[in-house]
Structures are given as structure tokens and as C-alpha cells.
Amino acid sequence: MKVLIVDDSKTMRSIVKNCLGGIGYSDVEEACDGQDALEKVAQCKPGLILLDWNMPNMNGIDFLKAYRAKGGKAPVVMVTTESEKARVIDAIRAGANDFVVKPFTPDVLAKHVNRTIEKAQAA
């Protein structure tokens, strides 16, 4: 399954990519912001998107709304420093399937990724 990591921090994209590799996901694409991600989803057709909130050009929520409005069906896990309850609710309403707060451990990310994929496959 192809995974798209969307984060303006190259370091964070690398950390997430390494965590994914540790649980068997090696087919990974990267995008540096929401605008870049909109272009990449059309090309790579990801089965899962890991999405930061705060990014330049187009933030994660705006990307998520645009992606869902265009019929995007891949499950989306927000991976962000935003942890306020209202923000989590905003993300879920915009179409996020799960939410991971930075900083996280590889085990926490793996749990959320696996749970999100299992739910998507069961639907």
C-alpha cells in the first residue's frame, strides 16, 4: 500500500517514513504542504495519508477538505502538534479518520496507522 506523508518538515517526514518502514510500509511518497499533496494524490493514488496541520501554502485542514470534496477516499491520519479538543473535532469533521499528537513514539504511530487501515478495510 502506498502511503503519502504530508509535512513541511523534512525531518518529520523522515521520522514518519522510518516508523512506517518498521511496520512494513516502504512504498512512501512525500509532500511538503497541502498544495503539493493535492498534486501528488492524483499521481500516486495513496491508500493512506499521514497529514500535518500547520504548513505553508495550504494547511492540512484545507487540504483535507479539498481532497474529500474531490472524492478522495483514502483514510487520513492527522499527525500534528494541535491537541486541543476543538481542533481534533475540526479535523474529524473535515474528514480525518484518526489523530496522532506530536511528539509520538513509533509504537503509538504504528497503533494508529494499523487501526486506521483495519477500519478502512472493514468498511
PDB file of N, CA and C in Angstrom:
ATOM      1  N   MET A   1       0.843  -1.187   0.000  1.00  0.00           N
ATOM      2  CA  MET A   1       0.000   0.000   0.000  1.00  0.00           C
ATOM      3  C   MET A   1       0.881   1.241   0.000  1.00  0.00           C
ATOM      4  N   LYS A   2       0.546   2.169  -0.871  1.00  0.00           N
ATOM      5  CA  LYS A   2       1.287   3.424  -0.920  1.00  0.00           C
ATOM      6  C   LYS A   2       0.767   4.365   0.168  1.00  0.00           C
ATOM      7  N   VAL A   3       1.719   5.018   0.856  1.00  0.00           N
ATOM      8  CA  VAL A   3       1.391   5.973   1.909  1.00  0.00           C
ATOM      9  C   VAL A   3       1.947   7.333   1.505  1.00  0.00           C
ATOM     10  N   LEU A   4       1.139   8.374   1.665  1.00  0.00           N
ATOM     11  CA  LEU A   4       1.581   9.742   1.414  1.00  0.00           C
ATOM     12  C   LEU A   4       1.769  10.442   2.752  1.00  0.00           C
ATOM     13  N   ILE A   5       2.982  10.958   2.977  1.00  0.00           N
ATOM     14  CA  ILE A   5       3.294  11.729   4.180  1.00  0.00           C
ATOM     15  C   ILE A   5       3.311  13.197   3.782  1.00  0.00           C
ATOM     16  N   VAL A   6       2.495  14.006   4.457  1.00  0.00           N
ATOM     17  CA  VAL A   6       2.401  15.430   4.140  1.00  0.00           C
ATOM     18  C   VAL A   6       2.826  16.221   5.370  1.00  0.00           C
ATOM     19  N   ASP A   7       3.993  16.857   5.287  1.00  0.00           N
ATOM     20  CA  ASP A   7       4.526  17.644   6.404  1.00  0.00           C
ATOM     21  C   ASP A   7       5.550  18.608   5.832  1.00  0.00           C
ATOM     22  N   ASP A   8       5.548  19.853   6.312  1.00  0.00           N
ATOM     23  CA  ASP A   8       6.518  20.819   5.813  1.00  0.00           C
ATOM     24  C   ASP A   8       7.917  20.576   6.367  1.00  0.00           C
ATOM     25  N   SER A   9       8.047  19.780   7.411  1.00  0.00           N
ATOM     26  CA  SER A   9       9.348  19.469   7.998  1.00  0.00           C
ATOM     27  C   SER A   9       9.926  18.204   7.359  1.00  0.00           C
ATOM     28  N   LYS A  10      11.044  18.373   6.668  1.00  0.00           N
ATOM     29  CA  LYS A  10      11.703  17.216   6.054  1.00  0.00           C
ATOM     30  C   LYS A  10      12.114  16.210   7.124  1.00  0.00           C
ATOM     31  N   THR A  11      12.562  16.713   8.274  1.00  0.00           N
ATOM     32  CA  THR A  11      12.956  15.834   9.379  1.00  0.00           C
ATOM     33  C   THR A  11      11.773  15.004   9.853  1.00  0.00           C
ATOM     34  N   MET A  12      10.617  15.635  10.013  1.00  0.00           N
ATOM     35  CA  MET A  12       9.435  14.897  10.467  1.00  0.00           C
ATOM     36  C   MET A  12       8.995  13.877   9.418  1.00  0.00           C
ATOM     37  N   ARG A  13       9.062  14.243   8.155  1.00  0.00           N
ATOM     38  CA  ARG A  13       8.725  13.272   7.103  1.00  0.00           C
ATOM     39  C   ARG A  13       9.647  12.063   7.179  1.00  0.00           C
ATOM     40  N   SER A  14      10.917  12.311   7.443  1.00  0.00           N
ATOM     41  CA  SER A  14      11.886  11.216   7.560  1.00  0.00           C
ATOM     42  C   SER A  14      11.584  10.331   8.765  1.00  0.00           C
ATOM     43  N   ILE A  15      11.240  10.939   9.895  1.00  0.00           N
ATOM     44  CA  ILE A  15      10.892  10.176  11.104  1.00  0.00           C
ATOM     45  C   ILE A  15       9.672   9.297  10.836  1.00  0.00           C
ATOM     46  N   VAL A  16       8.640   9.880  10.252  1.00  0.00           N
ATOM     47  CA  VAL A  16       7.414   9.125   9.964  1.00  0.00           C
ATOM     48  C   VAL A  16       7.711   8.001   8.970  1.00  0.00           C
ATOM     49  N   LYS A  17       8.496   8.303   7.952  1.00  0.00           N
ATOM     50  CA  LYS A  17       8.854   7.294   6.951  1.00  0.00           C
ATOM     51  C   LYS A  17       9.585   6.120   7.601  1.00  0.00           C
ATOM     52  N   ASN A  18      10.519   6.407   8.503  1.00  0.00           N
ATOM     53  CA  ASN A  18      11.242   5.343   9.205  1.00  0.00           C
ATOM     54  C   ASN A  18      10.304   4.514  10.071  1.00  0.00           C
ATOM     55  N   CYS A  19       9.375   5.172  10.759  1.00  0.00           N
ATOM     56  CA  CYS A  19       8.391   4.443  11.577  1.00  0.00           C
ATOM     57  C   CYS A  19       7.549   3.523  10.694  1.00  0.00           C
ATOM     58  N   LEU A  20       7.118   4.030   9.547  1.00  0.00           N
ATOM     59  CA  LEU A  20       6.310   3.219   8.631  1.00  0.00           C
ATOM     60  C   LEU A  20       7.102   2.024   8.113  1.00  0.00           C
ATOM     61  N   GLY A  21       8.366   2.247   7.794  1.00  0.00           N
ATOM     62  CA  GLY A  21       9.213   1.157   7.326  1.00  0.00           C
ATOM     63  C   GLY A  21       9.333   0.053   8.356  1.00  0.00           C
ATOM     64  N   GLY A  22       9.340   0.439   9.626  1.00  0.00           N
ATOM     65  CA  GLY A  22       9.436  -0.528  10.709  1.00  0.00           C
ATOM     66  C   GLY A  22       8.217  -1.416  10.848  1.00  0.00           C
ATOM     67  N   ILE A  23       7.092  -1.001  10.267  1.00  0.00           N
ATOM     68  CA  ILE A  23       5.878  -1.832  10.333  1.00  0.00           C
ATOM     69  C   ILE A  23       5.465  -2.336   8.948  1.00  0.00           C
ATOM     70  N   GLY A  24       6.416  -2.271   8.015  1.00  0.00           N
ATOM     71  CA  GLY A  24       6.191  -2.906   6.723  1.00  0.00           C
ATOM     72  C   GLY A  24       5.682  -2.031   5.598  1.00  0.00           C
ATOM     73  N   TYR A  25       5.633  -0.732   5.799  1.00  0.00           N
ATOM     74  CA  TYR A  25       5.172   0.170   4.741  1.00  0.00           C
ATOM     75  C   TYR A  25       6.377   0.891   4.144  1.00  0.00           C
ATOM     76  N   SER A  26       6.827   0.421   2.997  1.00  0.00           N
ATOM     77  CA  SER A  26       8.015   1.006   2.376  1.00  0.00           C
ATOM     78  C   SER A  26       7.691   1.797   1.112  1.00  0.00           C
ATOM     79  N   ASP A  27       6.466   1.691   0.620  1.00  0.00           N
ATOM     80  CA  ASP A  27       6.049   2.420  -0.575  1.00  0.00           C
ATOM     81  C   ASP A  27       5.481   3.765  -0.128  1.00  0.00           C
ATOM     82  N   VAL A  28       6.373   4.763  -0.024  1.00  0.00           N
ATOM     83  CA  VAL A  28       6.014   6.041   0.586  1.00  0.00           C
ATOM     84  C   VAL A  28       6.320   7.187  -0.371  1.00  0.00           C
ATOM     85  N   GLU A  29       5.376   8.097  -0.479  1.00  0.00           N
ATOM     86  CA  GLU A  29       5.566   9.362  -1.193  1.00  0.00           C
ATOM     87  C   GLU A  29       5.544  10.472  -0.152  1.00  0.00           C
ATOM     88  N   GLU A  30       6.191  11.596  -0.476  1.00  0.00           N
ATOM     89  CA  GLU A  30       6.231  12.727   0.446  1.00  0.00           C
ATOM     90  C   GLU A  30       5.732  13.987  -0.244  1.00  0.00           C
ATOM     91  N   ALA A  31       5.067  14.845   0.540  1.00  0.00           N
ATOM     92  CA  ALA A  31       4.641  16.159   0.067  1.00  0.00           C
ATOM     93  C   ALA A  31       4.973  17.174   1.155  1.00  0.00           C
ATOM     94  N   CYS A  32       5.345  18.388   0.744  1.00  0.00           N
ATOM     95  CA  CYS A  32       5.814  19.391   1.705  1.00  0.00           C
ATOM     96  C   CYS A  32       4.712  20.330   2.197  1.00  0.00           C
ATOM     97  N   ASP A  33       3.539  20.282   1.584  1.00  0.00           N
ATOM     98  CA  ASP A  33       2.405  21.089   2.042  1.00  0.00           C
ATOM     99  C   ASP A  33       1.136  20.575   1.368  1.00  0.00           C
ATOM    100  N   GLY A  34       0.024  21.168   1.705  1.00  0.00           N
ATOM    101  CA  GLY A  34      -1.244  20.702   1.170  1.00  0.00           C
ATOM    102  C   GLY A  34      -1.362  20.833  -0.337  1.00  0.00           C
ATOM    103  N   GLN A  35      -0.820  21.915  -0.891  1.00  0.00           N
ATOM    104  CA  GLN A  35      -0.883  22.111  -2.340  1.00  0.00           C
ATOM    105  C   GLN A  35      -0.091  21.028  -3.056  1.00  0.00           C
ATOM    106  N   ASP A  36       1.112  20.750  -2.563  1.00  0.00           N
ATOM    107  CA  ASP A  36       1.948  19.679  -3.115  1.00  0.00           C
ATOM    108  C   ASP A  36       1.217  18.341  -2.990  1.00  0.00           C
ATOM    109  N   ALA A  37       0.556  18.138  -1.862  1.00  0.00           N
ATOM    110  CA  ALA A  37      -0.164  16.880  -1.625  1.00  0.00           C
ATOM    111  C   ALA A  37      -1.322  16.697  -2.603  1.00  0.00           C
ATOM    112  N   LEU A  38      -2.048  17.770  -2.916  1.00  0.00           N
ATOM    113  CA  LEU A  38      -3.154  17.658  -3.879  1.00  0.00           C
ATOM    114  C   LEU A  38      -2.644  17.191  -5.240  1.00  0.00           C
ATOM    115  N   GLU A  39      -1.476  17.671  -5.622  1.00  0.00           N
ATOM    116  CA  GLU A  39      -0.884  17.232  -6.890  1.00  0.00           C
ATOM    117  C   GLU A  39      -0.447  15.768  -6.801  1.00  0.00           C
ATOM    118  N   LYS A  40       0.136  15.397  -5.662  1.00  0.00           N
ATOM    119  CA  LYS A  40       0.667  14.033  -5.515  1.00  0.00           C
ATOM    120  C   LYS A  40      -0.441  12.985  -5.418  1.00  0.00           C
ATOM    121  N   VAL A  41      -1.563  13.283  -4.771  1.00  0.00           N
ATOM    122  CA  VAL A  41      -2.615  12.264  -4.637  1.00  0.00           C
ATOM    123  C   VAL A  41      -3.164  11.864  -6.002  1.00  0.00           C
ATOM    124  N   ALA A  42      -3.198  12.805  -6.920  1.00  0.00           N
ATOM    125  CA  ALA A  42      -3.684  12.488  -8.265  1.00  0.00           C
ATOM    126  C   ALA A  42      -2.729  11.535  -8.979  1.00  0.00           C
ATOM    127  N   GLN A  43      -1.439  11.682  -8.710  1.00  0.00           N
ATOM    128  CA  GLN A  43      -0.426  10.852  -9.368  1.00  0.00           C
ATOM    129  C   GLN A  43      -0.254   9.493  -8.705  1.00  0.00           C
ATOM    130  N   CYS A  44      -0.148   9.485  -7.379  1.00  0.00           N
ATOM    131  CA  CYS A  44       0.281   8.252  -6.693  1.00  0.00           C
ATOM    132  C   CYS A  44      -0.855   7.429  -6.102  1.00  0.00           C
ATOM    133  N   LYS A  45      -2.063   7.977  -6.024  1.00  0.00           N
ATOM    134  CA  LYS A  45      -3.228   7.241  -5.503  1.00  0.00           C
ATOM    135  C   LYS A  45      -2.905   6.500  -4.198  1.00  0.00           C
ATOM    136  N   PRO A  46      -2.617   7.234  -3.120  1.00  0.00           N
ATOM    137  CA  PRO A  46      -2.235   6.577  -1.862  1.00  0.00           C
ATOM    138  C   PRO A  46      -3.393   5.812  -1.226  1.00  0.00           C
ATOM    139  N   GLY A  47      -3.033   4.788  -0.471  1.00  0.00           N
ATOM    140  CA  GLY A  47      -4.013   4.032   0.296  1.00  0.00           C
ATOM    141  C   GLY A  47      -4.173   4.575   1.695  1.00  0.00           C
ATOM    142  N   LEU A  48      -3.256   5.480   2.087  1.00  0.00           N
ATOM    143  CA  LEU A  48      -3.268   6.107   3.411  1.00  0.00           C
ATOM    144  C   LEU A  48      -2.521   7.425   3.306  1.00  0.00           C
ATOM    145  N   ILE A  49      -3.027   8.441   4.017  1.00  0.00           N
ATOM    146  CA  ILE A  49      -2.368   9.747   4.057  1.00  0.00           C
ATOM    147  C   ILE A  49      -2.110  10.106   5.514  1.00  0.00           C
ATOM    148  N   LEU A  50      -0.856  10.471   5.818  1.00  0.00           N
ATOM    149  CA  LEU A  50      -0.482  10.987   7.136  1.00  0.00           C
ATOM    150  C   LEU A  50      -0.243  12.476   6.950  1.00  0.00           C
ATOM    151  N   LEU A  51      -0.991  13.302   7.678  1.00  0.00           N
ATOM    152  CA  LEU A  51      -1.127  14.722   7.353  1.00  0.00           C
ATOM    153  C   LEU A  51      -0.854  15.626   8.544  1.00  0.00           C
ATOM    154  N   ASP A  52       0.082  16.553   8.357  1.00  0.00           N
ATOM    155  CA  ASP A  52       0.338  17.592   9.350  1.00  0.00           C
ATOM    156  C   ASP A  52      -0.746  18.665   9.226  1.00  0.00           C
ATOM    157  N   TRP A  53      -0.928  19.444  10.274  1.00  0.00           N
ATOM    158  CA  TRP A  53      -1.924  20.515  10.259  1.00  0.00           C
ATOM    159  C   TRP A  53      -1.309  21.821   9.765  1.00  0.00           C
ATOM    160  N   ASN A  54      -0.266  22.274  10.466  1.00  0.00           N
ATOM    161  CA  ASN A  54       0.310  23.597  10.224  1.00  0.00           C
ATOM    162  C   ASN A  54       1.411  23.536   9.171  1.00  0.00           C
ATOM    163  N   MET A  55       1.092  24.050   7.979  1.00  0.00           N
ATOM    164  CA  MET A  55       2.047  24.079   6.873  1.00  0.00           C
ATOM    165  C   MET A  55       1.816  25.345   6.060  1.00  0.00           C
ATOM    166  N   PRO A  56       2.856  25.816   5.354  1.00  0.00           N
ATOM    167  CA  PRO A  56       2.674  26.985   4.483  1.00  0.00           C
ATOM    168  C   PRO A  56       1.884  26.606   3.227  1.00  0.00           C
ATOM    169  N   ASN A  57       1.481  27.603   2.488  1.00  0.00           N
ATOM    170  CA  ASN A  57       0.767  27.469   1.203  1.00  0.00           C
ATOM    171  C   ASN A  57      -0.642  26.909   1.359  1.00  0.00           C
ATOM    172  N   MET A  58      -0.773  25.695   1.882  1.00  0.00           N
ATOM    173  CA  MET A  58      -2.085  25.114   2.166  1.00  0.00           C
ATOM    174  C   MET A  58      -1.933  24.228   3.389  1.00  0.00           C
ATOM    175  N   ASN A  59      -2.678  24.550   4.449  1.00  0.00           N
ATOM    176  CA  ASN A  59      -2.547  23.750   5.672  1.00  0.00           C
ATOM    177  C   ASN A  59      -3.263  22.407   5.525  1.00  0.00           C
ATOM    178  N   GLY A  60      -3.095  21.569   6.535  1.00  0.00           N
ATOM    179  CA  GLY A  60      -3.639  20.221   6.477  1.00  0.00           C
ATOM    180  C   GLY A  60      -5.154  20.164   6.397  1.00  0.00           C
ATOM    181  N   ILE A  61      -5.823  21.016   7.145  1.00  0.00           N
ATOM    182  CA  ILE A  61      -7.289  21.004   7.132  1.00  0.00           C
ATOM    183  C   ILE A  61      -7.822  21.447   5.767  1.00  0.00           C
ATOM    184  N   ASP A  62      -7.219  22.479   5.197  1.00  0.00           N
ATOM    185  CA  ASP A  62      -7.660  22.923   3.867  1.00  0.00           C
ATOM    186  C   ASP A  62      -7.411  21.837   2.825  1.00  0.00           C
ATOM    187  N   PHE A  63      -6.261  21.152   2.923  1.00  0.00           N
ATOM    188  CA  PHE A  63      -6.001  20.025   2.022  1.00  0.00           C
ATOM    189  C   PHE A  63      -7.074  18.953   2.194  1.00  0.00           C
ATOM    190  N   LEU A  64      -7.342  18.602   3.447  1.00  0.00           N
ATOM    191  CA  LEU A  64      -8.289  17.527   3.733  1.00  0.00           C
ATOM    192  C   LEU A  64      -9.676  17.844   3.169  1.00  0.00           C
ATOM    193  N   LYS A  65     -10.130  19.072   3.366  1.00  0.00           N
ATOM    194  CA  LYS A  65     -11.431  19.480   2.830  1.00  0.00           C
ATOM    195  C   LYS A  65     -11.441  19.401   1.303  1.00  0.00           C
ATOM    196  N   ALA A  66     -10.370  19.882   0.669  1.00  0.00           N
ATOM    197  CA  ALA A  66     -10.289  19.849  -0.794  1.00  0.00           C
ATOM    198  C   ALA A  66     -10.209  18.411  -1.299  1.00  0.00           C
ATOM    199  N   TYR A  67      -9.433  17.585  -0.621  1.00  0.00           N
ATOM    200  CA  TYR A  67      -9.276  16.179  -1.017  1.00  0.00           C
ATOM    201  C   TYR A  67     -10.608  15.439  -0.928  1.00  0.00           C
ATOM    202  N   ARG A  68     -11.315  15.610   0.182  1.00  0.00           N
ATOM    203  CA  ARG A  68     -12.617  14.948   0.335  1.00  0.00           C
ATOM    204  C   ARG A  68     -13.637  15.504  -0.661  1.00  0.00           C
ATOM    205  N   ALA A  69     -13.602  16.825  -0.911  1.00  0.00           N
ATOM    206  CA  ALA A  69     -14.538  17.432  -1.863  1.00  0.00           C
ATOM    207  C   ALA A  69     -14.335  16.893  -3.278  1.00  0.00           C
ATOM    208  N   LYS A  70     -13.102  16.499  -3.588  1.00  0.00           N
ATOM    209  CA  LYS A  70     -12.799  15.927  -4.911  1.00  0.00           C
ATOM    210  C   LYS A  70     -13.040  14.424  -4.947  1.00  0.00           C
ATOM    211  N   GLY A  71     -13.606  13.883  -3.870  1.00  0.00           N
ATOM    212  CA  GLY A  71     -13.931  12.461  -3.851  1.00  0.00           C
ATOM    213  C   GLY A  71     -12.843  11.563  -3.301  1.00  0.00           C
ATOM    214  N   GLY A  72     -11.804  12.152  -2.701  1.00  0.00           N
ATOM    215  CA  GLY A  72     -10.713  11.361  -2.137  1.00  0.00           C
ATOM    216  C   GLY A  72     -11.203  10.447  -1.023  1.00  0.00           C
ATOM    217  N   LYS A  73     -10.907   9.169  -1.138  1.00  0.00           N
ATOM    218  CA  LYS A  73     -11.423   8.169  -0.197  1.00  0.00           C
ATOM    219  C   LYS A  73     -10.374   7.597   0.751  1.00  0.00           C
ATOM    220  N   ALA A  74      -9.084   7.805   0.485  1.00  0.00           N
ATOM    221  CA  ALA A  74      -8.049   7.201   1.332  1.00  0.00           C
ATOM    222  C   ALA A  74      -8.205   7.679   2.770  1.00  0.00           C
ATOM    223  N   PRO A  75      -8.001   6.780   3.738  1.00  0.00           N
ATOM    224  CA  PRO A  75      -8.048   7.210   5.128  1.00  0.00           C
ATOM    225  C   PRO A  75      -6.931   8.210   5.421  1.00  0.00           C
ATOM    226  N   VAL A  76      -7.230   9.156   6.297  1.00  0.00           N
ATOM    227  CA  VAL A  76      -6.283  10.217   6.647  1.00  0.00           C
ATOM    228  C   VAL A  76      -6.068  10.225   8.156  1.00  0.00           C
ATOM    229  N   VAL A  77      -4.796  10.169   8.546  1.00  0.00           N
ATOM    230  CA  VAL A  77      -4.419  10.304   9.951  1.00  0.00           C
ATOM    231  C   VAL A  77      -3.724  11.650  10.099  1.00  0.00           C
ATOM    232  N   MET A  78      -4.296  12.532  10.902  1.00  0.00           N
ATOM    233  CA  MET A  78      -3.632  13.794  11.216  1.00  0.00           C
ATOM    234  C   MET A  78      -2.494  13.483  12.184  1.00  0.00           C
ATOM    235  N   VAL A  79      -1.311  14.013  11.887  1.00  0.00           N
ATOM    236  CA  VAL A  79      -0.136  13.844  12.745  1.00  0.00           C
ATOM    237  C   VAL A  79       0.365  15.256  13.014  1.00  0.00           C
ATOM    238  N   THR A  80       0.044  15.795  14.201  1.00  0.00           N
ATOM    239  CA  THR A  80       0.217  17.226  14.418  1.00  0.00           C
ATOM    240  C   THR A  80       0.445  17.569  15.882  1.00  0.00           C
ATOM    241  N   THR A  81       0.924  18.782  16.118  1.00  0.00           N
ATOM    242  CA  THR A  81       1.078  19.274  17.489  1.00  0.00           C
ATOM    243  C   THR A  81      -0.239  19.812  18.032  1.00  0.00           C
ATOM    244  N   GLU A  82      -1.226  19.990  17.170  1.00  0.00           N
ATOM    245  CA  GLU A  82      -2.536  20.503  17.595  1.00  0.00           C
ATOM    246  C   GLU A  82      -3.247  19.442  18.430  1.00  0.00           C
ATOM    247  N   SER A  83      -3.487  19.748  19.695  1.00  0.00           N
ATOM    248  CA  SER A  83      -4.077  18.724  20.566  1.00  0.00           C
ATOM    249  C   SER A  83      -5.350  19.175  21.277  1.00  0.00           C
ATOM    250  N   GLU A  84      -5.755  20.431  21.074  1.00  0.00           N
ATOM    251  CA  GLU A  84      -6.967  20.900  21.729  1.00  0.00           C
ATOM    252  C   GLU A  84      -8.171  20.128  21.191  1.00  0.00           C
ATOM    253  N   LYS A  85      -9.113  19.855  22.072  1.00  0.00           N
ATOM    254  CA  LYS A  85     -10.291  19.066  21.702  1.00  0.00           C
ATOM    255  C   LYS A  85     -11.021  19.666  20.498  1.00  0.00           C
ATOM    256  N   ALA A  86     -11.152  20.985  20.464  1.00  0.00           N
ATOM    257  CA  ALA A  86     -11.850  21.641  19.354  1.00  0.00           C
ATOM    258  C   ALA A  86     -11.144  21.388  18.028  1.00  0.00           C
ATOM    259  N   ARG A  87      -9.818  21.349  18.060  1.00  0.00           N
ATOM    260  CA  ARG A  87      -9.040  21.086  16.841  1.00  0.00           C
ATOM    261  C   ARG A  87      -9.244  19.652  16.364  1.00  0.00           C
ATOM    262  N   VAL A  88      -9.249  18.723  17.305  1.00  0.00           N
ATOM    263  CA  VAL A  88      -9.476  17.315  16.955  1.00  0.00           C
ATOM    264  C   VAL A  88     -10.853  17.170  16.306  1.00  0.00           C
ATOM    265  N   ILE A  89     -11.854  17.808  16.893  1.00  0.00           N
ATOM    266  CA  ILE A  89     -13.212  17.763  16.345  1.00  0.00           C
ATOM    267  C   ILE A  89     -13.243  18.374  14.945  1.00  0.00           C
ATOM    268  N   ASP A  90     -12.552  19.512  14.760  1.00  0.00           N
ATOM    269  CA  ASP A  90     -12.481  20.139  13.434  1.00  0.00           C
ATOM    270  C   ASP A  90     -11.897  19.178  12.405  1.00  0.00           C
ATOM    271  N   ALA A  91     -10.844  18.473  12.799  1.00  0.00           N
ATOM    272  CA  ALA A  91     -10.185  17.538  11.874  1.00  0.00           C
ATOM    273  C   ALA A  91     -11.108  16.378  11.510  1.00  0.00           C
ATOM    274  N   ILE A  92     -11.800  15.834  12.496  1.00  0.00           N
ATOM    275  CA  ILE A  92     -12.717  14.717  12.240  1.00  0.00           C
ATOM    276  C   ILE A  92     -13.856  15.184  11.331  1.00  0.00           C
ATOM    277  N   ARG A  93     -14.385  16.366  11.607  1.00  0.00           N
ATOM    278  CA  ARG A  93     -15.468  16.910  10.766  1.00  0.00           C
ATOM    279  C   ARG A  93     -15.008  17.148   9.332  1.00  0.00           C
ATOM    280  N   ALA A  94     -13.728  17.496   9.175  1.00  0.00           N
ATOM    281  CA  ALA A  94     -13.189  17.745   7.834  1.00  0.00           C
ATOM    282  C   ALA A  94     -12.911  16.448   7.079  1.00  0.00           C
ATOM    283  N   GLY A  95     -12.949  15.319   7.804  1.00  0.00           N
ATOM    284  CA  GLY A  95     -12.759  14.042   7.126  1.00  0.00           C
ATOM    285  C   GLY A  95     -11.590  13.211   7.596  1.00  0.00           C
ATOM    286  N   ALA A  96     -10.922  13.629   8.676  1.00  0.00           N
ATOM    287  CA  ALA A  96      -9.819  12.820   9.210  1.00  0.00           C
ATOM    288  C   ALA A  96     -10.379  11.547   9.834  1.00  0.00           C
ATOM    289  N   ASN A  97      -9.641  10.462   9.688  1.00  0.00           N
ATOM    290  CA  ASN A  97     -10.051   9.181  10.261  1.00  0.00           C
ATOM    291  C   ASN A  97      -9.446   8.937  11.630  1.00  0.00           C
ATOM    292  N   ASP A  98      -8.310   9.576  11.907  1.00  0.00           N
ATOM    293  CA  ASP A  98      -7.640   9.390  13.196  1.00  0.00           C
ATOM    294  C   ASP A  98      -6.738  10.587  13.432  1.00  0.00           C
ATOM    295  N   PHE A  99      -6.167  10.652  14.637  1.00  0.00           N
ATOM    296  CA  PHE A  99      -5.436  11.833  15.072  1.00  0.00           C
ATOM    297  C   PHE A  99      -4.292  11.388  15.966  1.00  0.00           C
ATOM    298  N   VAL A 100      -3.057  11.768  15.632  1.00  0.00           N
ATOM    299  CA  VAL A 100      -1.879  11.464  16.447  1.00  0.00           C
ATOM    300  C   VAL A 100      -1.223  12.789  16.812  1.00  0.00           C
ATOM    301  N   VAL A 101      -0.941  12.972  18.096  1.00  0.00           N
ATOM    302  CA  VAL A 101      -0.329  14.214  18.561  1.00  0.00           C
ATOM    303  C   VAL A 101       1.188  14.043  18.620  1.00  0.00           C
ATOM    304  N   LYS A 102       1.904  15.020  18.039  1.00  0.00           N
ATOM    305  CA  LYS A 102       3.364  15.067  18.139  1.00  0.00           C
ATOM    306  C   LYS A 102       3.727  15.637  19.501  1.00  0.00           C
ATOM    307  N   PRO A 103       4.815  15.205  20.108  1.00  0.00           N
ATOM    308  CA  PRO A 103       5.666  14.096  19.681  1.00  0.00           C
ATOM    309  C   PRO A 103       4.988  12.758  19.973  1.00  0.00           C
ATOM    310  N   PHE A 104       5.362  11.752  19.212  1.00  0.00           N
ATOM    311  CA  PHE A 104       4.793  10.411  19.359  1.00  0.00           C
ATOM    312  C   PHE A 104       5.931   9.398  19.345  1.00  0.00           C
ATOM    313  N   THR A 105       5.645   8.208  19.827  1.00  0.00           N
ATOM    314  CA  THR A 105       6.610   7.115  19.736  1.00  0.00           C
ATOM    315  C   THR A 105       6.281   6.299  18.487  1.00  0.00           C
ATOM    316  N   PRO A 106       7.233   5.532  17.983  1.00  0.00           N
ATOM    317  CA  PRO A 106       6.930   4.665  16.843  1.00  0.00           C
ATOM    318  C   PRO A 106       5.765   3.721  17.128  1.00  0.00           C
ATOM    319  N   ASP A 107       5.662   3.226  18.363  1.00  0.00           N
ATOM    320  CA  ASP A 107       4.570   2.316  18.716  1.00  0.00           C
ATOM    321  C   ASP A 107       3.209   3.003  18.622  1.00  0.00           C
ATOM    322  N   VAL A 108       3.137   4.246  19.071  1.00  0.00           N
ATOM    323  CA  VAL A 108       1.875   4.989  19.007  1.00  0.00           C
ATOM    324  C   VAL A 108       1.476   5.214  17.550  1.00  0.00           C
ATOM    325  N   LEU A 109       2.423   5.637  16.719  1.00  0.00           N
ATOM    326  CA  LEU A 109       2.102   5.844  15.309  1.00  0.00           C
ATOM    327  C   LEU A 109       1.664   4.537  14.659  1.00  0.00           C
ATOM    328  N   ALA A 110       2.381   3.461  14.949  1.00  0.00           N
ATOM    329  CA  ALA A 110       2.039   2.148  14.376  1.00  0.00           C
ATOM    330  C   ALA A 110       0.628   1.731  14.768  1.00  0.00           C
ATOM    331  N   LYS A 111       0.275   1.944  16.029  1.00  0.00           N
ATOM    332  CA  LYS A 111      -1.060   1.572  16.505  1.00  0.00           C
ATOM    333  C   LYS A 111      -2.145   2.324  15.735  1.00  0.00           C
ATOM    334  N   HIS A 112      -1.954   3.622  15.564  1.00  0.00           N
ATOM    335  CA  HIS A 112      -2.950   4.440  14.861  1.00  0.00           C
ATOM    336  C   HIS A 112      -3.021   4.090  13.378  1.00  0.00           C
ATOM    337  N   VAL A 113      -1.868   3.883  12.749  1.00  0.00           N
ATOM    338  CA  VAL A 113      -1.842   3.519  11.327  1.00  0.00           C
ATOM    339  C   VAL A 113      -2.547   2.186  11.118  1.00  0.00           C
ATOM    340  N   ASN A 114      -2.170   1.190  11.904  1.00  0.00           N
ATOM    341  CA  ASN A 114      -2.768  -0.142  11.742  1.00  0.00           C
ATOM    342  C   ASN A 114      -4.268  -0.128  12.009  1.00  0.00           C
ATOM    343  N   ARG A 115      -4.687   0.597  13.051  1.00  0.00           N
ATOM    344  CA  ARG A 115      -6.113   0.679  13.377  1.00  0.00           C
ATOM    345  C   ARG A 115      -6.891   1.365  12.249  1.00  0.00           C
ATOM    346  N   THR A 116      -6.328   2.431  11.712  1.00  0.00           N
ATOM    347  CA  THR A 116      -6.996   3.164  10.635  1.00  0.00           C
ATOM    348  C   THR A 116      -7.138   2.300   9.388  1.00  0.00           C
ATOM    349  N   ILE A 117      -6.095   1.565   9.053  1.00  0.00           N
ATOM    350  CA  ILE A 117      -6.142   0.692   7.875  1.00  0.00           C
ATOM    351  C   ILE A 117      -7.136  -0.445   8.089  1.00  0.00           C
ATOM    352  N   GLU A 118      -7.133  -1.032   9.282  1.00  0.00           N
ATOM    353  CA  GLU A 118      -8.085  -2.115   9.576  1.00  0.00           C
ATOM    354  C   GLU A 118      -9.526  -1.625   9.450  1.00  0.00           C
ATOM    355  N   LYS A 119      -9.813  -0.440   9.992  1.00  0.00           N
ATOM    356  CA  LYS A 119     -11.170   0.112   9.898  1.00  0.00           C
ATOM    357  C   LYS A 119     -11.554   0.378   8.447  1.00  0.00           C
ATOM    358  N   ALA A 120     -10.613   0.911   7.668  1.00  0.00           N
ATOM    359  CA  ALA A 120     -10.903   1.218   6.264  1.00  0.00           C
ATOM    360  C   ALA A 120     -11.163  -0.054   5.467  1.00  0.00           C
ATOM    361  N   GLN A 121     -10.413  -1.105   5.749  1.00  0.00           N
ATOM    362  CA  GLN A 121     -10.594  -2.364   5.028  1.00  0.00           C
ATOM    363  C   GLN A 121     -11.892  -3.057   5.427  1.00  0.00           C
ATOM    364  N   ALA A 122     -12.332  -2.835   6.661  1.00  0.00           N
ATOM    365  CA  ALA A 122     -13.568  -3.463   7.145  1.00  0.00           C
ATOM    366  C   ALA A 122     -14.814  -2.755   6.605  1.00  0.00           C
ATOM    367  N   ALA A 123     -14.643  -1.497   6.211  1.00  0.00           N
ATOM    368  CA  ALA A 123     -15.799  -0.695   5.752  1.00  0.00           C
ATOM    369  C   ALA A 123     -16.277  -1.106   4.377  1.00  0.00           C
TER     370      ALA A 123
END
